[in-house]
Protein backbone atom coordinates (compact mmCIF):
# COMPACT_ATOMS: atom_id res chain seq x y z
CA MET A 1 94.68 78.55 79.49
CA ILE A 2 93.83 80.96 82.29
CA ARG A 3 95.72 80.50 85.56
CA VAL A 4 94.93 82.29 88.81
CA GLY A 5 96.90 82.24 92.03
CA VAL A 6 98.74 84.18 94.71
CA GLY A 7 102.30 85.09 95.60
CA GLY A 8 103.93 82.34 97.66
CA TRP A 9 102.14 80.03 100.05
CA THR A 10 103.82 80.63 103.42
CA PHE A 11 102.03 83.51 105.13
CA GLU A 12 101.03 83.30 108.78
CA PRO A 13 97.66 85.17 108.50
CA TRP A 14 96.49 82.60 105.92
CA ARG A 15 96.55 80.04 108.72
CA ASP A 16 93.56 81.85 110.18
CA ASN A 17 91.39 82.18 107.09
CA PHE A 18 92.66 79.97 104.23
CA TYR A 19 94.42 76.88 105.53
CA PRO A 20 92.35 74.46 107.63
CA ALA A 21 93.00 74.55 111.36
CA GLY A 22 95.75 72.15 112.31
CA LEU A 23 97.11 71.72 108.80
CA PRO A 24 100.86 71.02 109.08
CA GLN A 25 102.95 73.75 107.49
CA LYS A 26 104.71 71.18 105.32
CA ARG A 27 101.36 70.49 103.62
CA GLU A 28 100.46 74.12 102.89
CA LEU A 29 101.70 74.02 99.29
CA GLU A 30 99.79 70.80 98.69
CA TYR A 31 96.61 72.44 100.01
CA ALA A 32 97.08 75.77 98.21
CA SER A 33 97.72 74.04 94.90
CA SER A 34 94.47 72.10 95.30
CA LYS A 35 92.52 75.39 95.47
CA LEU A 36 94.49 77.52 92.98
CA THR A 37 95.98 76.86 89.55
CA SER A 38 99.27 78.72 89.88
CA ILE A 39 101.58 80.35 92.41
CA GLU A 40 104.20 83.04 91.90
CA ILE A 41 107.38 82.21 93.84
CA ASN A 42 108.82 85.39 95.31
CA GLY A 43 111.83 83.89 97.12
CA THR A 44 113.78 83.54 93.89
CA TYR A 45 113.91 87.33 93.71
CA TYR A 46 115.97 87.55 96.88
CA GLY A 47 118.29 84.58 96.48
CA SER A 48 118.92 81.19 94.94
CA GLN A 49 116.83 78.17 95.87
CA LYS A 50 118.12 74.61 95.87
CA PRO A 51 117.40 72.15 93.03
CA GLU A 52 115.86 69.76 95.52
CA SER A 53 113.42 72.47 96.59
CA PHE A 54 112.15 72.95 93.04
CA ARG A 55 111.91 69.17 92.66
CA LYS A 56 109.95 68.87 95.91
CA TRP A 57 107.54 71.66 94.93
CA ALA A 58 106.86 69.95 91.62
CA GLU A 59 106.15 66.66 93.38
CA GLU A 60 103.73 68.23 95.86
CA THR A 61 101.46 69.88 93.29
CA PRO A 62 98.90 68.58 90.75
CA ASP A 63 100.05 67.59 87.29
CA ASP A 64 98.52 70.65 85.63
CA PHE A 65 99.81 73.17 88.20
CA VAL A 66 102.18 75.96 87.11
CA PHE A 67 104.69 78.07 89.03
CA ALA A 68 105.74 81.53 87.97
CA LEU A 69 109.12 82.66 89.32
CA LYS A 70 110.45 86.09 90.17
CA GLY A 71 113.80 86.62 88.46
CA PRO A 72 116.68 87.56 90.80
CA ARG A 73 117.07 91.18 91.82
CA PHE A 74 120.79 90.89 91.10
CA ALA A 75 119.86 90.87 87.41
CA THR A 76 117.41 93.78 87.41
CA ASN A 77 118.67 96.15 90.11
CA ARG A 78 121.71 97.43 88.26
CA ARG A 79 122.72 100.54 86.34
CA ILE A 80 123.71 98.73 83.13
CA LEU A 81 121.26 95.96 82.39
CA ALA A 82 123.37 94.44 79.61
CA GLU A 83 125.83 93.38 82.32
CA ALA A 84 123.28 91.04 83.92
CA GLY A 85 124.33 87.98 81.93
CA ASP A 86 126.11 86.18 84.78
CA SER A 87 123.19 86.69 87.18
CA ILE A 88 120.71 85.38 84.62
CA SER A 89 122.87 82.35 83.88
CA ARG A 90 123.28 81.52 87.58
CA PHE A 91 119.52 81.77 88.05
CA PHE A 92 118.77 79.22 85.36
CA ALA A 93 121.57 76.98 86.60
CA SER A 94 120.15 76.97 90.14
CA GLY A 95 117.69 74.17 89.47
CA VAL A 96 114.59 75.97 88.19
CA THR A 97 114.24 73.41 85.40
CA GLU A 98 113.57 70.76 88.06
CA LEU A 99 110.00 72.10 87.87
CA GLY A 100 109.78 70.60 84.40
CA ALA A 101 106.43 71.19 82.71
CA LYS A 102 105.32 73.14 85.80
CA LEU A 103 107.81 75.94 85.08
CA GLY A 104 105.76 78.94 84.02
CA PRO A 105 106.75 82.53 83.20
CA ILE A 106 109.68 84.34 84.75
CA ASN A 107 108.79 87.80 86.07
CA TRP A 108 111.73 90.21 85.91
CA GLN A 109 110.75 93.02 88.28
CA PHE A 110 112.47 96.41 88.14
CA MET A 111 112.71 99.10 90.78
CA ALA A 112 110.49 102.15 90.47
CA THR A 113 113.58 104.30 89.95
CA LYS A 114 114.66 102.41 86.81
CA LYS A 115 113.84 104.62 83.80
CA PHE A 116 113.31 103.46 80.25
CA ASP A 117 116.40 103.57 78.08
CA ALA A 118 115.81 101.72 74.80
CA ASP A 119 119.40 100.58 74.26
CA ASP A 120 119.87 99.61 77.90
CA PHE A 121 116.65 97.62 78.01
CA ALA A 122 117.28 95.96 74.65
CA GLY A 123 120.60 94.76 75.99
CA PHE A 124 118.81 93.07 78.87
CA LEU A 125 116.11 91.45 76.75
CA GLU A 126 118.75 89.99 74.45
CA LEU A 127 120.23 88.13 77.43
CA LEU A 128 117.03 86.25 78.25
CA PRO A 129 117.18 82.62 77.06
CA ARG A 130 114.35 81.24 74.97
CA THR A 131 115.04 77.66 76.04
CA VAL A 132 116.94 76.06 78.92
CA GLU A 133 117.66 72.33 78.92
CA GLY A 134 115.00 71.81 76.28
CA ILE A 135 112.31 73.72 78.21
CA THR A 136 110.75 76.78 76.57
CA ILE A 137 111.09 79.82 78.81
CA ARG A 138 108.56 82.64 78.86
CA HIS A 139 109.62 86.03 80.16
CA ALA A 140 107.66 88.99 81.54
CA VAL A 141 109.00 92.35 82.67
CA GLU A 142 107.44 94.34 85.49
CA VAL A 143 108.47 97.96 84.99
CA ARG A 144 107.50 100.61 87.51
CA HIS A 145 108.64 103.98 86.15
CA PRO A 146 106.28 106.20 84.09
CA SER A 147 108.93 106.60 81.37
CA PHE A 148 108.04 103.09 80.16
CA GLN A 149 104.61 104.32 79.08
CA THR A 150 105.69 104.77 75.47
CA PRO A 151 105.03 102.90 72.21
CA GLU A 152 108.79 102.42 71.81
CA PHE A 153 108.89 100.20 74.88
CA ILE A 154 105.93 98.13 73.67
CA ALA A 155 107.61 97.65 70.29
CA LEU A 156 110.79 96.50 71.98
CA ALA A 157 108.95 93.99 74.17
CA ARG A 158 107.06 92.64 71.15
CA LYS A 159 110.27 92.28 69.17
CA HIS A 160 111.61 89.96 71.85
CA GLY A 161 108.29 88.24 72.62
CA VAL A 162 108.39 89.38 76.23
CA ALA A 163 105.17 90.15 78.12
CA VAL A 164 104.71 93.41 80.00
CA VAL A 165 103.22 92.81 83.43
CA VAL A 166 99.78 94.36 83.88
CA ALA A 167 99.95 95.88 87.36
CA GLU A 168 96.81 96.94 89.16
CA SER A 169 98.30 99.35 91.66
CA ASP A 170 97.76 102.81 93.12
CA THR A 171 101.52 103.34 93.10
CA PHE A 172 102.88 102.10 89.78
CA PRO A 173 101.82 102.80 86.18
CA GLN A 174 99.57 100.32 84.45
CA ILE A 175 100.61 99.12 80.99
CA THR A 176 98.13 96.76 79.37
CA ASP A 177 99.44 96.26 75.82
CA PRO A 178 99.83 92.54 75.02
CA ALA A 179 103.38 91.94 73.80
CA ALA A 180 103.77 88.14 73.85
CA ASP A 181 101.78 84.93 73.53
CA PHE A 182 100.67 85.27 77.14
CA VAL A 183 99.45 87.94 79.55
CA TYR A 184 100.78 88.29 83.09
CA ALA A 185 98.74 90.37 85.54
CA ARG A 186 99.47 91.19 89.19
CA LEU A 187 96.43 92.53 91.04
CA GLN A 188 97.27 94.49 94.16
CA GLN A 189 94.04 95.91 95.51
CA THR A 190 92.44 93.28 97.72
CA ARG A 191 90.41 94.94 100.48
CA GLU A 192 89.74 93.94 104.06
CA ASP A 193 86.10 95.07 103.88
CA GLU A 194 85.29 92.77 100.94
CA PRO A 195 84.50 89.15 101.89
CA ALA A 196 86.33 87.89 98.79
CA GLY A 197 88.93 90.63 98.77
CA TYR A 198 87.43 92.11 95.58
CA SER A 199 83.88 93.18 94.88
CA ALA A 200 81.68 91.02 92.69
CA GLN A 201 81.80 93.71 90.01
CA ALA A 202 85.61 93.88 90.04
CA LEU A 203 85.88 90.09 89.83
CA ALA A 204 83.47 90.04 86.89
CA GLU A 205 85.52 92.74 85.15
CA TRP A 206 88.82 90.87 85.57
CA ALA A 207 87.24 87.60 84.49
CA GLY A 208 85.97 89.32 81.35
CA ARG A 209 89.40 90.76 80.61
CA ALA A 210 91.02 87.37 81.14
CA ARG A 211 88.61 85.72 78.71
CA THR A 212 89.18 88.46 76.15
CA TRP A 213 92.95 88.08 76.35
CA ALA A 214 92.67 84.29 76.13
CA GLU A 215 90.49 84.58 73.05
CA GLY A 216 93.13 86.75 71.38
CA SER A 217 91.59 90.21 71.63
CA VAL A 218 92.23 93.16 73.93
CA PRO A 219 89.80 94.39 76.62
CA ALA A 220 87.90 97.46 75.44
CA ASP A 221 88.13 99.11 78.86
CA LEU A 222 91.93 99.08 79.09
CA PRO A 223 93.85 101.79 77.19
CA LEU A 224 96.73 100.86 74.89
CA LEU A 225 99.97 102.74 74.27
CA ALA A 226 100.71 101.21 70.88
CA GLU A 227 98.82 99.77 67.94
CA THR A 228 96.41 96.95 68.72
CA PRO A 229 98.26 93.67 68.16
CA ALA A 230 97.04 91.04 65.73
CA LYS A 231 94.44 88.70 67.19
CA GLN A 232 96.22 85.79 68.85
CA PRO A 233 95.02 83.38 71.55
CA ARG A 234 97.04 83.91 74.71
CA ASP A 235 97.58 82.10 77.96
CA VAL A 236 96.72 84.28 80.94
CA PHE A 237 98.34 84.31 84.37
CA ILE A 238 96.72 86.39 87.12
CA TYR A 239 98.10 86.72 90.64
CA MET A 240 96.51 88.34 93.68
CA ILE A 241 99.61 89.86 95.22
CA ALA A 242 99.07 92.77 97.56
CA GLY A 243 96.56 95.18 98.99
CA PHE A 244 95.08 93.42 102.03
CA LYS A 245 97.14 90.26 101.60
CA PRO A 246 95.20 88.03 104.04
CA LYS A 247 92.34 88.09 101.49
CA ALA A 248 94.53 87.17 98.49
CA PRO A 249 93.61 83.45 98.44
CA ALA A 250 89.90 84.27 98.76
CA ALA A 251 90.17 86.70 95.86
CA ALA A 252 92.00 84.18 93.69
CA MET A 253 89.44 81.45 94.43
CA ALA A 254 86.56 83.86 93.77
CA LEU A 255 88.06 84.81 90.41
CA LEU A 256 88.46 81.13 89.49
CA LYS A 257 84.81 80.59 90.39
CA GLU A 258 83.80 83.56 88.27
CA LEU A 259 85.79 82.21 85.33
CA ALA A 260 84.15 78.80 85.71
CA GLY A 261 80.65 80.29 85.79
């Protein structure tokens, strides 16, 4: 399974170049989910959503659609990560399971100032639930400090079956070692001067990497920090997040077309 999408669906500039003219705002999720196969919800990073909101989002999207959620910043933006238990529990009690089968990975994003401390990070990973109300939960961690570029971090993530977010960014380090049964990539270099946000060559490269991950191997053009993991088919989630954001939907749709070709 390879899913491609964007971050959120409410963005005013998309009403000029993605959503049809005159489309009511209340139907934007319905439209976006008809063109993409996943969306990363960013609002859960900043605060709790209501159970009825998750239920409504599930009802408005196709049966095979998947949402990724950003974990709350109250869990990740702290000095001692092992003390995040209450924030994590409140997050999963907020109604996220109302998404049912459409609940995809949880992305736990850390500030760029958070350095790697093996004991500290292990304490956090041990708090992440594997199931909630009978639903299997997949976790990914988006780390942004260069100190995480070490085999010890990869080993820790693999021990807990937690994916390491592959970030394509000029600002943050890129770590591409698969650590779980899925890969989670956030691409942040859409460009205004490209009709589809990304060049045809870049789209072909990311489509090739996605297929390689899905088949269970690792892309030859991405460096690894640790030993190559055993071959294992993986689900792949790719989100066009930043760069020139107005082109994010175009880039996601172009990548889906490339994957279908």
